[in-house]
Protein backbone atom coordinates (compact mmCIF):
# COMPACT_ATOMS: atom_id res chain seq x y z
CA MET A 1 79.38 84.40 123.78
CA GLN A 2 75.99 82.90 124.86
CA ARG A 3 75.61 85.91 127.17
CA CYS A 4 76.20 88.34 124.23
CA GLU A 5 73.76 86.56 122.01
CA GLN A 6 71.06 86.86 124.70
CA VAL A 7 71.69 90.59 125.22
CA VAL A 8 71.85 91.41 121.58
CA ALA A 9 68.82 89.36 120.75
CA ALA A 10 66.73 91.20 123.48
CA VAL A 11 67.89 94.55 122.32
CA PHE A 12 67.15 93.88 118.62
CA LEU A 13 63.59 92.62 119.54
CA ALA A 14 62.96 95.72 121.71
CA GLY A 15 64.16 97.99 118.82
CA LEU A 16 61.92 96.22 116.41
CA LEU A 17 58.86 96.65 118.63
CA THR A 18 59.57 100.23 119.10
CA ALA A 19 59.82 100.81 115.38
CA VAL A 20 56.41 99.09 114.86
CA ALA A 21 54.90 101.14 117.64
CA SER A 22 56.17 104.34 116.06
CA ALA A 23 55.06 103.47 112.48
CA ALA A 24 52.42 106.36 112.59
CA PRO A 25 53.83 109.78 112.10
CA PRO A 26 53.81 111.95 115.33
CA ALA A 27 51.30 114.92 115.52
CA ARG A 28 54.17 117.08 116.81
CA LEU A 29 57.92 116.82 116.50
CA PRO A 30 59.74 116.29 119.74
CA VAL A 31 62.72 118.73 119.69
CA PRO A 32 65.55 118.38 122.27
CA ALA A 33 66.51 121.36 124.27
CA ALA A 34 69.88 121.50 122.59
CA ALA A 35 68.28 123.22 119.63
CA ALA A 36 67.54 126.35 121.74
CA TYR A 37 71.34 126.87 121.84
CA PHE A 38 71.63 127.18 118.11
CA PRO A 39 73.46 129.07 116.76
CA GLY A 40 76.59 129.30 118.89
CA ASP A 41 79.70 127.57 120.20
CA PHE A 42 77.86 125.41 122.74
CA PHE A 43 75.59 123.98 119.94
CA ARG A 44 78.58 123.48 117.70
CA GLN A 45 80.56 121.63 120.38
CA GLU A 46 77.93 119.78 122.32
CA GLY A 47 74.44 120.37 121.28
CA ARG A 48 74.82 119.10 117.73
CA VAL A 49 76.11 115.69 118.83
CA ASN A 50 73.58 115.28 121.46
CA MET A 51 70.84 116.36 119.12
CA ALA A 52 71.93 113.80 116.60
CA ARG A 53 71.69 110.99 119.18
CA PHE A 54 68.23 112.10 120.09
CA VAL A 55 67.10 112.28 116.58
CA LEU A 56 68.43 108.86 115.64
CA SER A 57 66.79 107.24 118.61
CA ARG A 58 63.45 108.92 118.65
CA TRP A 59 62.53 110.64 115.46
CA PRO A 60 60.67 109.10 112.44
CA GLY A 61 62.63 108.62 109.13
CA PRO A 62 63.22 111.28 106.48
CA SER A 63 60.15 110.60 104.44
CA ARG A 64 57.95 111.23 107.42
CA LEU A 65 59.96 114.44 108.34
CA ILE A 66 59.19 115.67 104.73
CA GLY A 67 55.54 115.06 105.39
CA LEU A 68 55.60 116.97 108.77
CA TRP A 69 57.39 119.78 107.14
CA ARG A 70 54.81 120.07 104.25
CA SER A 71 51.89 119.71 106.60
CA GLY A 72 52.21 123.29 107.88
CA ARG A 73 51.58 122.09 111.49
CA LEU A 74 55.13 122.84 112.82
CA ASP A 75 55.82 126.02 114.67
CA GLU A 76 59.20 127.94 114.31
CA SER A 77 60.98 125.90 117.09
CA GLU A 78 59.95 122.61 115.47
CA ARG A 79 60.95 123.74 111.97
CA VAL A 80 64.39 124.94 113.28
CA GLY A 81 64.74 121.56 115.10
CA LEU A 82 63.79 119.48 111.92
CA LEU A 83 66.37 121.48 109.87
CA LEU A 84 69.04 120.79 112.52
CA GLY A 85 68.19 117.34 113.56
CA GLY A 86 67.26 116.00 110.04
CA ALA A 87 70.83 116.31 108.92
CA ALA A 88 71.73 113.34 111.29
CA PHE A 89 70.21 111.03 108.77
CA HIS A 90 72.55 112.09 105.89
CA ASP A 91 69.80 111.41 103.38
CA PRO A 92 69.73 113.73 100.25
CA VAL A 93 65.94 113.04 100.00
CA LEU A 94 65.71 115.88 102.52
CA LEU A 95 67.44 118.47 100.43
CA PRO A 96 64.26 119.97 98.95
CA VAL A 97 63.19 120.93 102.56
CA TYR A 98 66.47 122.79 103.04
CA ARG A 99 66.15 124.48 99.57
CA ALA A 100 62.64 125.70 100.54
CA ALA A 101 63.86 126.75 104.07
CA LEU A 102 66.63 128.90 102.63
CA GLY A 103 63.99 131.04 100.85
CA ASP A 104 62.00 131.58 104.06
CA SER A 105 61.37 135.04 105.38
CA ASP A 106 62.43 134.06 108.88
CA GLU A 107 66.17 134.60 109.28
CA ARG A 108 66.49 131.97 112.02
CA ILE A 109 65.02 129.37 109.66
CA ARG A 110 67.48 130.32 107.05
CA GLU A 111 70.42 130.05 109.53
CA ALA A 112 69.16 126.48 110.52
CA ALA A 113 68.70 125.60 106.89
CA ALA A 114 72.16 126.77 105.80
CA TYR A 115 73.83 125.00 108.75
CA GLY A 116 71.59 121.80 108.36
CA PHE A 117 72.34 121.48 104.73
CA ARG A 118 76.04 121.46 105.15
CA ASP A 119 75.62 118.98 108.09
CA LEU A 120 73.31 116.63 106.05
CA VAL A 121 75.92 116.28 103.33
CA ALA A 122 78.83 116.04 105.86
CA ALA A 123 80.51 119.11 104.59
CA PRO A 124 82.34 121.67 106.77
CA LEU A 125 79.79 123.57 108.92
CA PRO A 126 79.18 127.22 108.28
CA ARG A 127 79.35 130.03 110.80
CA VAL A 128 75.94 131.52 110.88
CA GLU A 129 75.99 133.41 114.30
CA ARG A 130 75.88 136.66 112.39
CA GLY A 131 72.80 135.82 110.52
CA VAL A 132 72.00 134.56 106.96
CA ASP A 133 70.61 137.39 104.95
CA ARG A 134 68.80 136.86 101.72
CA ALA A 135 71.91 137.31 99.59
CA ALA A 136 73.77 134.67 101.75
CA ALA A 137 70.76 132.49 101.57
CA MET A 138 70.85 132.64 97.74
CA ARG A 139 74.54 131.56 97.65
CA PHE A 140 73.67 128.53 99.84
CA GLN A 141 70.83 127.79 97.38
CA TRP A 142 73.21 127.72 94.53
CA GLU A 143 75.67 125.62 96.33
CA LEU A 144 72.70 123.17 97.28
CA ALA A 145 71.62 122.99 93.62
CA ALA A 146 75.09 122.17 92.53
CA VAL A 147 75.38 119.32 95.00
CA GLU A 148 71.99 118.17 94.21
CA LYS A 149 72.81 117.98 90.53
CA GLN A 150 75.75 115.73 91.25
CA LEU A 151 73.76 113.51 93.59
CA ALA A 152 71.25 112.83 90.64
CA THR A 153 73.82 110.30 89.38
CA ARG A 154 75.81 109.51 92.55
CA ASP A 155 75.13 108.73 96.14
CA LEU A 156 76.64 110.78 98.89
CA VAL A 157 79.63 108.46 99.39
CA GLY A 158 80.32 108.47 95.85
CA PHE A 159 80.15 112.32 95.59
CA TRP A 160 82.87 112.58 98.21
CA LEU A 161 84.92 109.86 96.67
CA ASP A 162 84.82 112.10 93.51
CA ARG A 163 86.10 114.99 95.41
CA LEU A 164 89.13 113.07 96.55
CA GLY A 165 90.41 112.79 93.01
CA GLN A 166 89.86 116.38 92.18
CA PRO A 167 92.43 119.20 92.85
CA ASP A 168 91.99 121.57 95.67
CA ASP A 169 91.40 125.16 94.18
CA ALA A 170 89.30 128.21 94.65
CA ALA A 171 86.50 126.54 92.78
CA SER A 172 86.20 123.69 95.22
CA GLY A 173 85.19 125.88 98.06
CA VAL A 174 84.65 123.92 101.26
CA TYR A 175 84.45 120.56 99.32
CA ARG A 176 88.20 119.96 99.65
CA HIS A 177 90.36 116.77 100.11
CA ALA A 178 90.56 116.99 103.79
CA ALA A 179 86.80 117.66 104.06
CA ALA A 180 86.22 114.51 101.86
CA LEU A 181 88.14 112.29 104.27
CA ARG A 182 86.09 113.60 107.26
CA ALA A 183 82.79 113.18 105.37
CA LEU A 184 83.59 109.65 104.39
CA ASP A 185 84.41 108.92 108.02
CA ALA A 186 81.01 109.98 109.01
CA LEU A 187 79.03 108.51 106.08
CA LEU A 188 80.57 105.04 105.42
CA ARG A 189 78.65 101.85 106.27
CA PRO A 190 79.62 98.32 105.46
CA GLU A 191 77.54 98.13 102.26
CA ASP A 192 79.67 100.93 100.87
CA LEU A 193 82.80 98.75 100.73
CA PRO A 194 82.64 97.88 96.98
CA GLU A 195 82.17 101.63 96.09
CA LEU A 196 85.13 102.55 98.38
CA VAL A 197 87.34 99.94 96.71
CA ARG A 198 86.47 101.48 93.25
CA GLY A 199 87.06 104.96 94.49
CA TYR A 200 90.45 103.94 95.94
CA CYS A 201 91.54 102.21 92.57
CA ARG A 202 90.55 105.36 90.64
CA LEU A 203 92.87 107.58 92.59
CA GLY A 204 96.17 108.25 90.56
CA SER A 205 98.04 110.09 93.39
CA ARG A 206 100.14 108.24 95.89
CA ALA A 207 99.36 110.84 98.48
CA GLU A 208 95.60 110.49 97.96
CA ARG A 209 95.79 106.56 98.41
CA LEU A 210 97.95 106.93 101.46
CA SER A 211 95.23 109.24 103.01
CA MET A 212 92.57 106.58 102.51
CA LEU A 213 94.41 103.70 104.13
CA PRO A 214 92.70 104.14 107.59
CA LEU A 215 89.31 104.06 105.86
CA MET A 216 90.28 100.96 103.92
CA GLN A 217 91.62 99.16 106.97
CA ALA A 218 88.52 100.06 109.01
CA MET A 219 86.03 99.02 106.27
CA THR A 220 87.68 95.74 105.53
CA CYS A 221 88.43 95.04 109.25
CA ARG A 222 91.73 93.86 107.87
CA GLN A 223 95.03 95.13 109.44
CA ILE A 224 97.30 96.75 106.91
CA ILE A 225 98.84 99.58 109.03
CA LEU A 226 101.21 97.68 111.35
CA MET A 227 101.79 100.07 114.30
CA PRO A 228 105.30 99.73 115.84
CA ARG A 229 105.52 98.87 119.60
CA GLY A 230 106.81 101.10 122.31
CA GLN A 231 106.73 104.97 122.07
CA ARG A 232 105.89 104.92 118.33
CA ALA A 233 109.38 103.68 117.68
CA GLY A 234 110.35 103.54 114.05
CA TRP A 235 107.10 105.35 113.00
CA GLY A 236 107.62 106.79 109.52
CA PRO A 237 106.79 106.77 105.82
CA SER A 238 107.95 103.09 105.43
CA ILE A 239 104.95 102.04 107.63
CA TYR A 240 102.52 103.45 105.14
CA ASP A 241 104.48 102.38 102.22
CA PHE A 242 104.35 98.79 103.49
CA ALA A 243 100.53 99.07 104.14
CA MET A 244 99.87 100.34 100.66
CA THR A 245 101.80 97.73 99.08
CA SER A 246 100.05 95.02 101.26
CA LEU A 247 96.62 96.44 100.42
CA GLU A 248 97.15 96.73 96.75
CA GLY A 249 98.44 93.19 96.59
CA TRP A 250 95.22 92.01 98.56
CA LEU A 251 93.10 93.93 96.10
CA ALA A 252 94.70 92.33 93.08
CA ARG A 253 94.08 88.85 94.42
CA ARG A 254 90.47 89.36 95.15
CA CYS A 255 87.44 89.52 92.78
CA ASP A 256 84.59 89.79 95.35
CA PHE A 257 84.45 92.91 97.51
CA SER A 258 81.04 92.50 98.84
CA PRO A 259 80.96 93.00 102.70
CA GLN A 260 79.57 89.50 103.03
CA ALA A 261 82.54 87.89 101.48
CA VAL A 262 85.17 90.17 102.99
CA LEU A 263 83.88 90.53 106.57
CA ARG A 264 83.08 86.77 106.89
CA ILE A 265 86.76 85.94 106.36
CA ASN A 266 88.38 88.79 108.22
CA LEU A 267 85.96 88.55 111.20
CA ALA A 268 85.84 84.75 111.38
CA PRO A 269 87.39 84.57 114.90
CA TYR A 270 84.28 86.26 116.22
CA GLY A 271 81.87 83.88 114.69
CA MET A 272 81.04 85.93 111.57
CA ARG A 273 81.83 82.92 109.12
CA ARG A 274 78.63 81.22 110.23
CA VAL A 275 76.26 84.12 109.45
CA ASP A 276 75.61 86.96 106.99
CA PRO A 277 77.53 90.01 108.52
CA MET A 278 74.75 92.26 107.31
CA SER A 279 72.00 90.11 108.91
CA PRO A 280 70.29 90.49 112.36
CA GLN A 281 71.84 87.16 113.14
CA ALA A 282 75.33 88.66 113.17
CA CYS A 283 74.47 91.05 115.97
CA PRO A 284 76.19 88.91 118.68
CA ALA A 285 79.29 88.59 116.52
CA TRP A 286 79.47 92.41 116.05
CA LEU A 287 79.34 92.74 119.79
CA GLU A 288 82.27 90.34 120.16
CA VAL A 289 84.16 92.29 117.61
CA LEU A 290 83.67 95.49 119.72
CA ARG A 291 84.54 93.64 122.93
CA ARG A 292 87.55 91.67 121.73
CA GLY A 293 88.81 93.09 118.55
CA PRO A 294 91.50 95.57 117.88
CA ALA A 295 90.63 99.24 117.76
CA PHE A 296 90.57 99.55 113.92
CA GLN A 297 87.65 97.13 113.87
CA TRP A 298 85.49 99.05 116.46
CA PRO A 299 84.13 101.74 114.08
CA LEU A 300 82.38 99.33 111.78
CA ALA A 301 81.07 97.36 114.77
CA SER A 302 79.61 100.53 116.26
CA ARG A 303 77.74 101.23 113.02
CA GLN A 304 76.29 97.72 112.88
CA LEU A 305 75.32 97.45 116.53
CA TYR A 306 73.14 100.67 115.93
CA ARG A 307 71.25 98.68 113.40
CA CYS A 308 70.98 95.82 115.96
CA GLY A 309 68.95 98.34 118.18
CA GLY A 310 71.90 99.79 120.05
CA PRO A 311 72.36 103.55 120.60
CA PRO A 312 73.75 105.90 117.79
CA VAL A 313 77.26 106.00 119.23
CA PHE A 314 79.72 105.86 116.35
CA LEU A 315 83.51 105.69 116.38
CA SER A 316 85.83 107.41 114.08
CA MET A 317 87.63 105.27 111.35
CA LEU A 318 90.34 107.87 111.17
CA HIS A 319 91.13 107.88 114.87
CA PRO A 320 89.85 104.50 116.24
CA GLY A 321 92.28 104.29 119.07
CA SER A 322 91.85 107.81 120.32
CA LYS A 323 90.78 108.46 123.99
CA ARG A 324 87.47 109.71 122.73
CA ALA A 325 86.94 106.54 120.74
CA ARG A 326 87.87 104.38 123.68
CA ARG A 327 85.36 106.30 125.98
CA ARG A 328 82.61 105.78 123.29
CA ARG A 329 83.43 102.11 122.91
CA SER A 330 83.20 101.72 126.78
CA ARG A 331 79.84 103.52 126.76
CA LEU A 332 78.47 101.42 123.98
CA LEU A 333 79.65 98.14 125.57
CA LYS A 334 78.17 99.13 128.91
CA TRP A 335 74.92 99.86 127.09
CA PHE A 336 74.72 96.25 126.04
CA GLY A 337 75.67 95.07 129.55
CA VAL A 338 79.05 93.95 128.47
CA HIS A 339 82.46 95.09 130.07
CA PRO A 340 85.50 95.23 127.95
CA PRO A 341 88.31 92.63 128.80
CA ARG A 342 90.71 93.95 131.37
CA ALA A 343 94.18 94.78 130.09
CA VAL A 344 96.85 92.39 131.48
CA ARG A 345 98.79 94.20 134.03
CA ARG A 346 102.56 93.64 134.18
CA ARG A 347 104.01 92.55 137.49
CA ARG A 348 106.16 94.91 139.29
CA GLY A 349 109.67 94.50 138.20
CA ALA A 350 108.77 92.56 135.02
CA ARG A 351 110.52 93.78 131.71
């Protein structure tokens, strides 16, 4: 534990010094090579993720990006890069930039604006390889205006929680139930727990509540989905019925759903009870969660460790135990200089 504390403290200090050193806005915007592959399958499958990691590690924040856009100093490649990369912040304050870019005379700028707008709000990404003409750009502007109107009274997490409770029909377009779950998986952070609980309690459909169980489990770091041992033996609806009953009983007994109250209790074995889970002092405990905790606790740890100065490597709440998630977890632990505990191997002949 002491080793983890030393590593995380050093990383956090280095991140703080880097943030102070980069307080002044850059004269130019560094754009990774991945942007040159937009649009196309390679960018969609590889370039977008690599670009997001570059942006979250090296770019200034959204307010400074707005200033750079309005300065008129950016060339076409930088403007395309800003529209693609700025989406990684998922901050609606950037929406006016995308609205303006959709009216640009340059079709490549319009393509990047349409793609980046959807990416920013965590909606399904459009196919823009065939271009975005002025008529298509206008349709994206109408869509952006409708989203922006709803975000005037709701944050982005609340916007997608509202979508979960609405019927899927032709009017919903790409903003459907399945899209809402994927969006929440990308957007949720520990401070969103109270809003997630309220959204869950507003849902009237049993099916809708069942679909949210993995998110509720990951955000509370409290195991409610008890997976059977062996080759998924006995896996069936009863597992989720039990989980939903357990969760709703827990919700009925609690009155404080702040992340400080919930995570201190559920992550006490890792040292979280002694600190505020949202504070820098909790960074060593979050590293212990990622190192020793069960898979469903890793996604929240990955998000908090980014705030501790770690790399932007985030694990899915919907598929925390997948091979992809395990690879990302190993990469993140190695970045902090920590190796995951070795699995206990059975002796030959043991049953």
